[in-house]
Amino acid sequence: MEEDNGRSVDGFIFVDRENGSIAKEEIQRINYISSKMNEDNPEAVLSVYNKMIESNTFFTPIGLEYLRKLQDYLYKRHEIDDARIADIPVMVSYVDIHNQYNNRKDIERDERLRRHRKVKTFRKEYRNSLLLNLIMAAMIIVMYIIVIKSDTPNMINYENAITNKYASWEQDLTERESKIRQKEAELGIY
């Protein structure tokens, strides 16, 4: 039997030390009653059992477990009529405990669902963002290709376009000048 700050008693862990000490007191009562009771006499056991039930001697799980063992012993004895064996009263309301447990389970379930929805939402948002980024990148690449292939001057190819334009003008002027000189030479004008 391991001690857990006085809460662990005979295989049960109680809410606090006070409940643990009550259980320990019940163990002492059980030991005292067991030492005084004659288990060979079922009528005496029945009498002691019914008095413990009437006086609510035990109410922790340890005491109730002891009463249950006595009850089983009495049910197995054929000389005792089952109708004379009292039922064991349980003085704890399990409705509140059940409701607290269910509320805690509901809260935990809601929290898990909320986390699951967040993860799903983030995955969906990530997927949508990734798709949108890929589309935008493709659009930028297409626009860059259009700009490079275009003949009209723009920010990317304006220097080449202007240089080519002046080069073609210079070539035209050089050709015209050479034609004029040729004509002048034919006409004899220097």
N, C-alpha and C. Protein backbone atom coordinates (compact mmCIF):
# COMPACT_ATOMS: atom_id res chain seq x y z
N MET A 1 0.84 -1.18 0.00
CA MET A 1 0.00 0.00 0.00
C MET A 1 0.89 1.24 0.00
N GLU A 2 0.82 2.01 -1.06
CA GLU A 2 1.68 3.18 -1.23
C GLU A 2 0.97 4.42 -0.72
N GLU A 3 1.68 5.23 0.02
CA GLU A 3 1.11 6.47 0.54
C GLU A 3 1.17 7.54 -0.54
N ASP A 4 0.09 8.29 -0.72
CA ASP A 4 0.04 9.38 -1.68
C ASP A 4 -0.46 10.61 -0.93
N ASN A 5 0.40 11.16 -0.08
CA ASN A 5 0.03 12.30 0.77
C ASN A 5 -1.19 11.99 1.63
N GLY A 6 -1.35 10.77 2.06
CA GLY A 6 -2.46 10.39 2.91
C GLY A 6 -3.75 10.15 2.15
N ARG A 7 -3.74 10.29 0.84
CA ARG A 7 -4.96 10.10 0.04
C ARG A 7 -5.14 8.65 -0.39
N SER A 8 -4.06 7.91 -0.54
CA SER A 8 -4.14 6.53 -1.02
C SER A 8 -4.28 5.58 0.17
N VAL A 9 -5.40 4.85 0.18
CA VAL A 9 -5.67 3.93 1.28
C VAL A 9 -6.23 2.64 0.71
N ASP A 10 -5.55 1.54 0.94
CA ASP A 10 -6.03 0.20 0.61
C ASP A 10 -6.48 0.08 -0.86
N GLY A 11 -5.68 0.66 -1.77
CA GLY A 11 -5.98 0.55 -3.20
C GLY A 11 -6.92 1.60 -3.74
N PHE A 12 -7.36 2.52 -2.89
CA PHE A 12 -8.23 3.61 -3.33
C PHE A 12 -7.49 4.93 -3.16
N ILE A 13 -7.66 5.84 -4.10
CA ILE A 13 -7.10 7.18 -3.94
C ILE A 13 -8.27 8.12 -3.72
N PHE A 14 -8.24 8.80 -2.59
CA PHE A 14 -9.32 9.70 -2.22
C PHE A 14 -9.00 11.13 -2.65
N VAL A 15 -10.03 11.96 -2.66
CA VAL A 15 -9.90 13.33 -3.14
C VAL A 15 -8.89 14.11 -2.32
N ASP A 16 -8.90 13.92 -1.00
CA ASP A 16 -7.98 14.66 -0.15
C ASP A 16 -7.59 13.82 1.06
N ARG A 17 -6.73 14.38 1.90
CA ARG A 17 -6.24 13.67 3.09
C ARG A 17 -7.35 13.33 4.08
N GLU A 18 -8.29 14.27 4.23
CA GLU A 18 -9.37 14.06 5.21
C GLU A 18 -10.18 12.81 4.85
N ASN A 19 -10.51 12.67 3.58
CA ASN A 19 -11.25 11.48 3.15
C ASN A 19 -10.40 10.22 3.33
N GLY A 20 -9.11 10.35 3.08
CA GLY A 20 -8.20 9.23 3.29
C GLY A 20 -8.15 8.83 4.76
N SER A 21 -8.15 9.82 5.66
CA SER A 21 -8.11 9.48 7.10
C SER A 21 -9.42 8.85 7.55
N ILE A 22 -10.54 9.26 6.98
CA ILE A 22 -11.83 8.62 7.30
C ILE A 22 -11.78 7.15 6.87
N ALA A 23 -11.22 6.89 5.69
CA ALA A 23 -11.10 5.51 5.21
C ALA A 23 -10.20 4.70 6.13
N LYS A 24 -9.13 5.30 6.62
CA LYS A 24 -8.25 4.60 7.55
C LYS A 24 -8.99 4.27 8.85
N GLU A 25 -9.83 5.20 9.32
CA GLU A 25 -10.64 4.92 10.52
C GLU A 25 -11.58 3.75 10.27
N GLU A 26 -12.15 3.70 9.06
CA GLU A 26 -13.05 2.59 8.74
C GLU A 26 -12.28 1.27 8.72
N ILE A 27 -11.05 1.29 8.26
CA ILE A 27 -10.24 0.06 8.28
C ILE A 27 -10.03 -0.40 9.72
N GLN A 28 -9.79 0.54 10.61
CA GLN A 28 -9.62 0.18 12.03
C GLN A 28 -10.92 -0.43 12.58
N ARG A 29 -12.08 0.17 12.21
CA ARG A 29 -13.37 -0.39 12.66
C ARG A 29 -13.59 -1.79 12.10
N ILE A 30 -13.23 -1.97 10.81
CA ILE A 30 -13.38 -3.28 10.17
C ILE A 30 -12.54 -4.31 10.90
N ASN A 31 -11.30 -3.96 11.20
CA ASN A 31 -10.41 -4.89 11.91
C ASN A 31 -10.97 -5.23 13.29
N TYR A 32 -11.49 -4.23 13.98
CA TYR A 32 -12.06 -4.45 15.32
C TYR A 32 -13.29 -5.36 15.24
N ILE A 33 -14.20 -5.05 14.31
CA ILE A 33 -15.43 -5.85 14.17
C ILE A 33 -15.09 -7.27 13.75
N SER A 34 -14.15 -7.41 12.81
CA SER A 34 -13.77 -8.75 12.34
C SER A 34 -13.17 -9.57 13.47
N SER A 35 -12.41 -8.93 14.35
CA SER A 35 -11.79 -9.68 15.45
C SER A 35 -12.83 -10.12 16.49
N LYS A 36 -13.91 -9.37 16.63
CA LYS A 36 -14.93 -9.69 17.63
C LYS A 36 -16.05 -10.58 17.09
N MET A 37 -16.23 -10.60 15.77
CA MET A 37 -17.35 -11.33 15.18
C MET A 37 -17.04 -12.81 15.03
N ASN A 38 -18.04 -13.62 15.33
CA ASN A 38 -17.93 -15.06 15.17
C ASN A 38 -18.50 -15.42 13.80
N GLU A 39 -17.61 -15.66 12.83
CA GLU A 39 -18.07 -15.92 11.46
C GLU A 39 -18.65 -17.33 11.30
N ASP A 40 -18.52 -18.15 12.32
CA ASP A 40 -19.12 -19.48 12.26
C ASP A 40 -20.61 -19.44 12.58
N ASN A 41 -21.07 -18.35 13.12
CA ASN A 41 -22.48 -18.18 13.49
C ASN A 41 -23.12 -17.19 12.52
N PRO A 42 -23.81 -17.66 11.46
CA PRO A 42 -24.41 -16.77 10.45
C PRO A 42 -25.45 -15.82 11.05
N GLU A 43 -26.17 -16.24 12.09
CA GLU A 43 -27.16 -15.37 12.71
C GLU A 43 -26.48 -14.18 13.37
N ALA A 44 -25.34 -14.40 14.02
CA ALA A 44 -24.59 -13.31 14.65
C ALA A 44 -24.05 -12.36 13.59
N VAL A 45 -23.55 -12.92 12.48
CA VAL A 45 -23.04 -12.09 11.38
C VAL A 45 -24.17 -11.25 10.82
N LEU A 46 -25.35 -11.85 10.64
CA LEU A 46 -26.52 -11.11 10.12
C LEU A 46 -26.89 -9.98 11.06
N SER A 47 -26.89 -10.26 12.36
CA SER A 47 -27.25 -9.24 13.34
C SER A 47 -26.28 -8.06 13.29
N VAL A 48 -24.98 -8.37 13.28
CA VAL A 48 -23.97 -7.30 13.22
C VAL A 48 -24.08 -6.55 11.90
N TYR A 49 -24.26 -7.26 10.82
CA TYR A 49 -24.38 -6.66 9.48
C TYR A 49 -25.56 -5.68 9.45
N ASN A 50 -26.73 -6.12 9.90
CA ASN A 50 -27.91 -5.26 9.87
C ASN A 50 -27.75 -4.05 10.78
N LYS A 51 -27.08 -4.20 11.93
CA LYS A 51 -26.83 -3.05 12.82
C LYS A 51 -25.90 -2.05 12.15
N MET A 52 -24.88 -2.54 11.44
CA MET A 52 -23.96 -1.63 10.74
C MET A 52 -24.70 -0.87 9.63
N ILE A 53 -25.63 -1.55 8.97
CA ILE A 53 -26.42 -0.91 7.91
C ILE A 53 -27.30 0.18 8.53
N GLU A 54 -28.02 -0.15 9.63
CA GLU A 54 -28.92 0.81 10.28
C GLU A 54 -28.18 2.03 10.79
N SER A 55 -26.99 1.84 11.33
CA SER A 55 -26.25 2.96 11.93
C SER A 55 -25.32 3.66 10.95
N ASN A 56 -25.35 3.25 9.68
CA ASN A 56 -24.47 3.85 8.66
C ASN A 56 -23.02 3.89 9.13
N THR A 57 -22.55 2.77 9.60
CA THR A 57 -21.20 2.66 10.13
C THR A 57 -20.15 2.92 9.05
N PHE A 58 -20.42 2.46 7.85
CA PHE A 58 -19.45 2.58 6.76
C PHE A 58 -20.06 3.34 5.59
N PHE A 59 -19.26 4.22 5.01
CA PHE A 59 -19.75 4.93 3.83
C PHE A 59 -18.66 5.20 2.80
N THR A 60 -17.40 4.88 3.11
CA THR A 60 -16.35 5.00 2.09
C THR A 60 -16.35 3.71 1.27
N PRO A 61 -15.72 3.71 0.13
CA PRO A 61 -15.66 2.48 -0.68
C PRO A 61 -15.05 1.30 0.08
N ILE A 62 -14.14 1.58 0.97
CA ILE A 62 -13.51 0.49 1.74
C ILE A 62 -14.53 -0.16 2.66
N GLY A 63 -15.30 0.66 3.37
CA GLY A 63 -16.33 0.14 4.25
C GLY A 63 -17.44 -0.55 3.49
N LEU A 64 -17.83 0.04 2.37
CA LEU A 64 -18.88 -0.56 1.55
C LEU A 64 -18.42 -1.90 0.98
N GLU A 65 -17.16 -1.98 0.64
CA GLU A 65 -16.61 -3.25 0.14
C GLU A 65 -16.67 -4.33 1.24
N TYR A 66 -16.38 -3.94 2.48
CA TYR A 66 -16.47 -4.88 3.60
C TYR A 66 -17.91 -5.34 3.80
N LEU A 67 -18.85 -4.39 3.75
CA LEU A 67 -20.27 -4.76 3.88
C LEU A 67 -20.68 -5.69 2.75
N ARG A 68 -20.16 -5.44 1.56
CA ARG A 68 -20.50 -6.29 0.41
C ARG A 68 -19.98 -7.72 0.62
N LYS A 69 -18.79 -7.86 1.21
CA LYS A 69 -18.26 -9.21 1.50
C LYS A 69 -19.14 -9.92 2.51
N LEU A 70 -19.57 -9.19 3.55
CA LEU A 70 -20.47 -9.80 4.54
C LEU A 70 -21.79 -10.18 3.89
N GLN A 71 -22.29 -9.32 3.03
CA GLN A 71 -23.55 -9.59 2.34
C GLN A 71 -23.43 -10.85 1.48
N ASP A 72 -22.35 -10.96 0.74
CA ASP A 72 -22.12 -12.16 -0.09
C ASP A 72 -22.05 -13.41 0.78
N TYR A 73 -21.36 -13.29 1.92
CA TYR A 73 -21.25 -14.42 2.86
C TYR A 73 -22.65 -14.84 3.32
N LEU A 74 -23.49 -13.86 3.65
CA LEU A 74 -24.84 -14.15 4.14
C LEU A 74 -25.72 -14.75 3.03
N TYR A 75 -25.58 -14.25 1.82
CA TYR A 75 -26.36 -14.81 0.71
C TYR A 75 -25.98 -16.27 0.44
N LYS A 76 -24.75 -16.62 0.66
CA LYS A 76 -24.30 -17.99 0.42
C LYS A 76 -24.75 -18.95 1.51
N ARG A 77 -25.10 -18.43 2.67
CA ARG A 77 -25.55 -19.28 3.78
C ARG A 77 -27.03 -19.63 3.58
N HIS A 78 -27.34 -20.89 3.52
CA HIS A 78 -28.71 -21.34 3.24
C HIS A 78 -29.62 -21.18 4.46
N GLU A 79 -29.05 -21.14 5.64
CA GLU A 79 -29.89 -21.02 6.83
C GLU A 79 -30.41 -19.59 7.04
N ILE A 80 -29.90 -18.61 6.25
CA ILE A 80 -30.35 -17.22 6.35
C ILE A 80 -31.25 -16.93 5.16
N ASP A 81 -32.45 -16.43 5.44
CA ASP A 81 -33.38 -16.04 4.38
C ASP A 81 -32.87 -14.74 3.75
N ASP A 82 -32.80 -14.69 2.41
CA ASP A 82 -32.28 -13.52 1.71
C ASP A 82 -33.06 -12.25 2.01
N ALA A 83 -34.33 -12.39 2.32
CA ALA A 83 -35.17 -11.24 2.61
C ALA A 83 -34.74 -10.54 3.90
N ARG A 84 -34.07 -11.23 4.78
CA ARG A 84 -33.63 -10.65 6.06
C ARG A 84 -32.32 -9.85 5.91
N ILE A 85 -31.66 -10.00 4.76
CA ILE A 85 -30.38 -9.31 4.53
C ILE A 85 -30.68 -7.94 3.92
N ALA A 86 -30.30 -6.90 4.64
CA ALA A 86 -30.58 -5.53 4.20
C ALA A 86 -29.67 -5.15 3.02
N ASP A 87 -30.21 -4.29 2.18
CA ASP A 87 -29.39 -3.74 1.08
C ASP A 87 -28.42 -2.70 1.65
N ILE A 88 -27.33 -2.53 0.99
CA ILE A 88 -26.30 -1.60 1.44
C ILE A 88 -26.65 -0.20 0.91
N PRO A 89 -26.84 0.77 1.81
CA PRO A 89 -27.15 2.13 1.35
C PRO A 89 -25.87 2.84 0.88
N VAL A 90 -26.01 3.56 -0.19
CA VAL A 90 -24.90 4.36 -0.72
C VAL A 90 -25.26 5.82 -0.47
N MET A 91 -24.46 6.50 0.32
CA MET A 91 -24.77 7.86 0.77
C MET A 91 -24.18 8.95 -0.13
N VAL A 92 -23.66 8.58 -1.26
CA VAL A 92 -23.04 9.55 -2.16
C VAL A 92 -23.94 9.72 -3.38
N SER A 93 -24.11 10.98 -3.80
CA SER A 93 -24.86 11.25 -5.02
C SER A 93 -23.91 11.17 -6.21
N TYR A 94 -24.12 10.17 -7.00
CA TYR A 94 -23.25 10.00 -8.17
C TYR A 94 -23.71 10.82 -9.36
N VAL A 95 -24.89 11.43 -9.25
CA VAL A 95 -25.39 12.26 -10.35
C VAL A 95 -24.47 13.46 -10.56
N ASP A 96 -24.09 14.12 -9.44
CA ASP A 96 -23.21 15.28 -9.57
C ASP A 96 -21.85 14.88 -10.14
N ILE A 97 -21.31 13.77 -9.63
CA ILE A 97 -20.02 13.28 -10.12
C ILE A 97 -20.12 12.93 -11.59
N HIS A 98 -21.22 12.25 -11.95
CA HIS A 98 -21.44 11.86 -13.35
C HIS A 98 -21.54 13.11 -14.24
N ASN A 99 -22.30 14.11 -13.77
CA ASN A 99 -22.45 15.33 -14.56
C ASN A 99 -21.13 16.08 -14.70
N GLN A 100 -20.35 16.14 -13.62
CA GLN A 100 -19.04 16.79 -13.70
C GLN A 100 -18.15 16.05 -14.69
N TYR A 101 -18.17 14.74 -14.62
CA TYR A 101 -17.34 13.93 -15.53
C TYR A 101 -17.78 14.17 -16.98
N ASN A 102 -19.10 14.14 -17.21
CA ASN A 102 -19.59 14.35 -18.58
C ASN A 102 -19.29 15.77 -19.06
N ASN A 103 -19.43 16.76 -18.17
CA ASN A 103 -19.11 18.13 -18.55
C ASN A 103 -17.65 18.25 -18.92
N ARG A 104 -16.77 17.63 -18.13
CA ARG A 104 -15.35 17.67 -18.41
C ARG A 104 -15.06 16.97 -19.74
N LYS A 105 -15.73 15.81 -19.98
CA LYS A 105 -15.55 15.11 -21.26
C LYS A 105 -16.03 15.96 -22.42
N ASP A 106 -17.19 16.65 -22.22
CA ASP A 106 -17.71 17.51 -23.28
C ASP A 106 -16.75 18.66 -23.57
N ILE A 107 -16.20 19.25 -22.52
CA ILE A 107 -15.25 20.35 -22.71
C ILE A 107 -14.02 19.85 -23.44
N GLU A 108 -13.50 18.69 -23.04
CA GLU A 108 -12.32 18.12 -23.70
C GLU A 108 -12.62 17.80 -25.16
N ARG A 109 -13.82 17.22 -25.41
CA ARG A 109 -14.20 16.90 -26.78
C ARG A 109 -14.31 18.17 -27.62
N ASP A 110 -14.95 19.22 -27.06
CA ASP A 110 -15.08 20.48 -27.78
C ASP A 110 -13.71 21.08 -28.08
N GLU A 111 -12.80 20.99 -27.12
CA GLU A 111 -11.45 21.52 -27.32
C GLU A 111 -10.73 20.74 -28.42
N ARG A 112 -10.88 19.40 -28.41
CA ARG A 112 -10.26 18.60 -29.47
C ARG A 112 -10.84 18.96 -30.83
N LEU A 113 -12.17 19.14 -30.90
CA LEU A 113 -12.80 19.51 -32.16
C LEU A 113 -12.34 20.89 -32.62
N ARG A 114 -12.24 21.82 -31.67
CA ARG A 114 -11.80 23.17 -32.01
C ARG A 114 -10.36 23.13 -32.56
N ARG A 115 -9.47 22.34 -31.89
CA ARG A 115 -8.11 22.22 -32.39
C ARG A 115 -8.10 21.56 -33.76
N HIS A 116 -8.94 20.52 -33.93
CA HIS A 116 -9.01 19.81 -35.21
C HIS A 116 -9.49 20.75 -36.31
N ARG A 117 -10.51 21.56 -35.99
CA ARG A 117 -11.01 22.51 -36.99
C ARG A 117 -9.94 23.53 -37.34
N LYS A 118 -9.19 24.01 -36.33
CA LYS A 118 -8.13 24.97 -36.59
C LYS A 118 -7.10 24.36 -37.53
N VAL A 119 -6.70 23.14 -37.26
CA VAL A 119 -5.71 22.47 -38.10
C VAL A 119 -6.27 22.32 -39.50
N LYS A 120 -7.53 21.88 -39.60
CA LYS A 120 -8.14 21.74 -40.92
C LYS A 120 -8.19 23.08 -41.63
N THR A 121 -8.58 24.16 -40.91
CA THR A 121 -8.68 25.48 -41.49
C THR A 121 -7.31 25.94 -41.96
N PHE A 122 -6.29 25.76 -41.14
CA PHE A 122 -4.96 26.17 -41.55
C PHE A 122 -4.49 25.39 -42.76
N ARG A 123 -4.78 24.11 -42.82
CA ARG A 123 -4.39 23.31 -43.98
C ARG A 123 -5.10 23.83 -45.23
N LYS A 124 -6.38 24.10 -45.10
CA LYS A 124 -7.16 24.60 -46.23
C LYS A 124 -6.63 25.97 -46.66
N GLU A 125 -6.39 26.84 -45.70
CA GLU A 125 -5.87 28.16 -46.01
C GLU A 125 -4.49 28.06 -46.64
N TYR A 126 -3.65 27.16 -46.15
CA TYR A 126 -2.32 26.96 -46.71
C TYR A 126 -2.42 26.51 -48.16
N ARG A 127 -3.29 25.54 -48.41
CA ARG A 127 -3.49 25.03 -49.76
C ARG A 127 -3.95 26.15 -50.70
N ASN A 128 -4.93 26.94 -50.24
CA ASN A 128 -5.45 28.03 -51.07
C ASN A 128 -4.37 29.07 -51.32
N SER A 129 -3.61 29.41 -50.30
CA SER A 129 -2.54 30.38 -50.45
C SER A 129 -1.47 29.88 -51.42
N LEU A 130 -1.11 28.63 -51.30
CA LEU A 130 -0.11 28.05 -52.19
C LEU A 130 -0.60 28.09 -53.64
N LEU A 131 -1.84 27.72 -53.88
CA LEU A 131 -2.41 27.74 -55.22
C LEU A 131 -2.42 29.16 -55.78
N LEU A 132 -2.84 30.12 -54.96
CA LEU A 132 -2.87 31.52 -55.40
C LEU A 132 -1.46 32.02 -55.72
N ASN A 133 -0.49 31.67 -54.90
CA ASN A 133 0.90 32.08 -55.16
C ASN A 133 1.43 31.48 -56.46
N LEU A 134 1.11 30.21 -56.72
CA LEU A 134 1.54 29.58 -57.97
C LEU A 134 0.92 30.27 -59.18
N ILE A 135 -0.36 30.60 -59.09
CA ILE A 135 -1.04 31.30 -60.20
C ILE A 135 -0.39 32.66 -60.44
N MET A 136 -0.12 33.38 -59.35
CA MET A 136 0.49 34.71 -59.50
C MET A 136 1.91 34.61 -60.09
N ALA A 137 2.67 33.62 -59.65
CA ALA A 137 4.01 33.43 -60.20
C ALA A 137 3.94 33.12 -61.70
N ALA A 138 3.00 32.28 -62.08
CA ALA A 138 2.83 31.95 -63.51
C ALA A 138 2.46 33.21 -64.30
N MET A 139 1.59 34.05 -63.75
CA MET A 139 1.20 35.29 -64.43
C MET A 139 2.40 36.22 -64.61
N ILE A 140 3.23 36.31 -63.58
CA ILE A 140 4.42 37.18 -63.67
C ILE A 140 5.36 36.66 -64.75
N ILE A 141 5.58 35.37 -64.81
CA ILE A 141 6.46 34.77 -65.83
C ILE A 141 5.91 35.04 -67.22
N VAL A 142 4.59 34.86 -67.41
CA VAL A 142 3.97 35.11 -68.72
C VAL A 142 4.12 36.58 -69.10
N MET A 143 3.90 37.50 -68.16
CA MET A 143 4.04 38.93 -68.47
C MET A 143 5.48 39.26 -68.83
N TYR A 144 6.44 38.68 -68.14
CA TYR A 144 7.85 38.94 -68.44
C TYR A 144 8.18 38.45 -69.86
N ILE A 145 7.68 37.27 -70.23
CA ILE A 145 7.93 36.74 -71.58
C ILE A 145 7.31 37.66 -72.63
N ILE A 146 6.09 38.15 -72.36
CA ILE A 146 5.43 39.06 -73.31
C ILE A 146 6.25 40.32 -73.48
N VAL A 147 6.75 40.86 -72.38
CA VAL A 147 7.52 42.09 -72.43
C VAL A 147 8.81 41.89 -73.23
N ILE A 148 9.47 40.77 -73.02
CA ILE A 148 10.73 40.52 -73.72
C ILE A 148 10.51 40.34 -75.22
N LYS A 149 9.43 39.64 -75.60
CA LYS A 149 9.15 39.36 -77.01
C LYS A 149 8.55 40.56 -77.74
N SER A 150 8.09 41.54 -77.02
CA SER A 150 7.41 42.69 -77.62
C SER A 150 8.40 43.60 -78.35
N ASP A 151 7.92 44.25 -79.46
CA ASP A 151 8.76 45.17 -80.22
C ASP A 151 8.66 46.59 -79.70
N THR A 152 7.63 46.90 -79.01
CA THR A 152 7.48 48.24 -78.47
C THR A 152 8.42 48.44 -77.29
N PRO A 153 9.00 49.61 -77.17
CA PRO A 153 9.91 49.87 -76.06
C PRO A 153 9.15 49.90 -74.73
N ASN A 154 9.80 49.36 -73.74
CA ASN A 154 9.24 49.37 -72.40
C ASN A 154 10.39 49.47 -71.42
N MET A 155 10.12 49.34 -70.14
CA MET A 155 11.15 49.53 -69.12
C MET A 155 12.31 48.54 -69.27
N ILE A 156 12.01 47.35 -69.72
CA ILE A 156 13.04 46.33 -69.78
C ILE A 156 13.92 46.49 -71.01
N ASN A 157 13.32 46.79 -72.17
CA ASN A 157 14.13 46.81 -73.41
C ASN A 157 14.21 48.20 -74.04
N TYR A 158 13.93 49.27 -73.29
CA TYR A 158 13.93 50.61 -73.91
C TYR A 158 15.31 51.03 -74.41
N GLU A 159 16.37 50.68 -73.68
CA GLU A 159 17.71 51.09 -74.10
C GLU A 159 18.07 50.43 -75.43
N ASN A 160 17.80 49.14 -75.54
CA ASN A 160 18.08 48.43 -76.80
C ASN A 160 17.22 48.99 -77.93
N ALA A 161 15.96 49.27 -77.64
CA ALA A 161 15.06 49.77 -78.68
C ALA A 161 15.53 51.13 -79.19
N ILE A 162 15.92 52.03 -78.28
CA ILE A 162 16.37 53.36 -78.69
C ILE A 162 17.70 53.26 -79.45
N THR A 163 18.61 52.43 -78.94
CA THR A 163 19.90 52.25 -79.60
C THR A 163 19.69 51.69 -81.01
N ASN A 164 18.81 50.71 -81.12
CA ASN A 164 18.52 50.13 -82.45
C ASN A 164 17.88 51.17 -83.36
N LYS A 165 17.01 52.02 -82.83
CA LYS A 165 16.34 53.03 -83.64
C LYS A 165 17.36 54.04 -84.17
N TYR A 166 18.26 54.53 -83.28
CA TYR A 166 19.28 55.47 -83.71
C TYR A 166 20.26 54.82 -84.68
N ALA A 167 20.55 53.53 -84.45
CA ALA A 167 21.46 52.82 -85.35
C ALA A 167 20.84 52.71 -86.74
N SER A 168 19.54 52.45 -86.78
CA SER A 168 18.89 52.34 -88.10
C SER A 168 18.83 53.71 -88.77
N TRP A 169 18.62 54.80 -88.01
CA TRP A 169 18.62 56.14 -88.59
C TRP A 169 20.01 56.47 -89.15
N GLU A 170 21.02 56.11 -88.35
CA GLU A 170 22.39 56.39 -88.78
C GLU A 170 22.70 55.63 -90.07
N GLN A 171 22.25 54.38 -90.13
CA GLN A 171 22.49 53.57 -91.33
C GLN A 171 21.76 54.19 -92.52
N ASP A 172 20.51 54.65 -92.32
CA ASP A 172 19.75 55.30 -93.40
C ASP A 172 20.49 56.56 -93.89
N LEU A 173 20.96 57.35 -92.92
CA LEU A 173 21.66 58.58 -93.28
C LEU A 173 22.95 58.27 -94.05
N THR A 174 23.67 57.23 -93.58
CA THR A 174 24.91 56.86 -94.24
C THR A 174 24.62 56.39 -95.67
N GLU A 175 23.56 55.62 -95.86
CA GLU A 175 23.19 55.14 -97.20
C GLU A 175 22.78 56.32 -98.09
N ARG A 176 22.01 57.24 -97.57
CA ARG A 176 21.57 58.41 -98.35
C ARG A 176 22.77 59.28 -98.73
N GLU A 177 23.65 59.45 -97.74
CA GLU A 177 24.82 60.26 -97.98
C GLU A 177 25.70 59.63 -99.09
N SER A 178 25.85 58.31 -99.02
CA SER A 178 26.65 57.65 -100.05
C SER A 178 25.96 57.76 -101.42
N LYS A 179 24.65 57.71 -101.48
CA LYS A 179 23.92 57.86 -102.75
C LYS A 179 24.09 59.28 -103.29
N ILE A 180 24.00 60.25 -102.35
CA ILE A 180 24.16 61.65 -102.78
C ILE A 180 25.57 61.85 -103.33
N ARG A 181 26.58 61.35 -102.72
CA ARG A 181 27.96 61.49 -103.18
C ARG A 181 28.15 60.80 -104.53
N GLN A 182 27.48 59.68 -104.67
CA GLN A 182 27.58 58.96 -105.93
C GLN A 182 26.96 59.81 -107.07
N LYS A 183 25.79 60.41 -106.78
CA LYS A 183 25.12 61.25 -107.78
C LYS A 183 25.97 62.49 -108.09
N GLU A 184 26.55 63.06 -107.01
CA GLU A 184 27.40 64.22 -107.22
C GLU A 184 28.62 63.85 -108.08
N ALA A 185 29.15 62.64 -107.85
CA ALA A 185 30.30 62.20 -108.63
C ALA A 185 29.89 62.00 -110.08
N GLU A 186 28.70 61.49 -110.33
CA GLU A 186 28.23 61.30 -111.70
C GLU A 186 27.98 62.64 -112.39
N LEU A 187 27.48 63.56 -111.61
CA LEU A 187 27.16 64.86 -112.18
C LEU A 187 28.40 65.77 -112.16
N GLY A 188 29.37 65.36 -111.48
CA GLY A 188 30.61 66.14 -111.42
C GLY A 188 30.53 67.27 -110.44
N ILE A 189 29.74 67.20 -109.47
CA ILE A 189 29.63 68.24 -108.44
C ILE A 189 30.44 67.75 -107.23
N TYR A 190 31.36 68.64 -106.82
CA TYR A 190 32.16 68.26 -105.67
C TYR A 190 31.86 69.12 -104.50
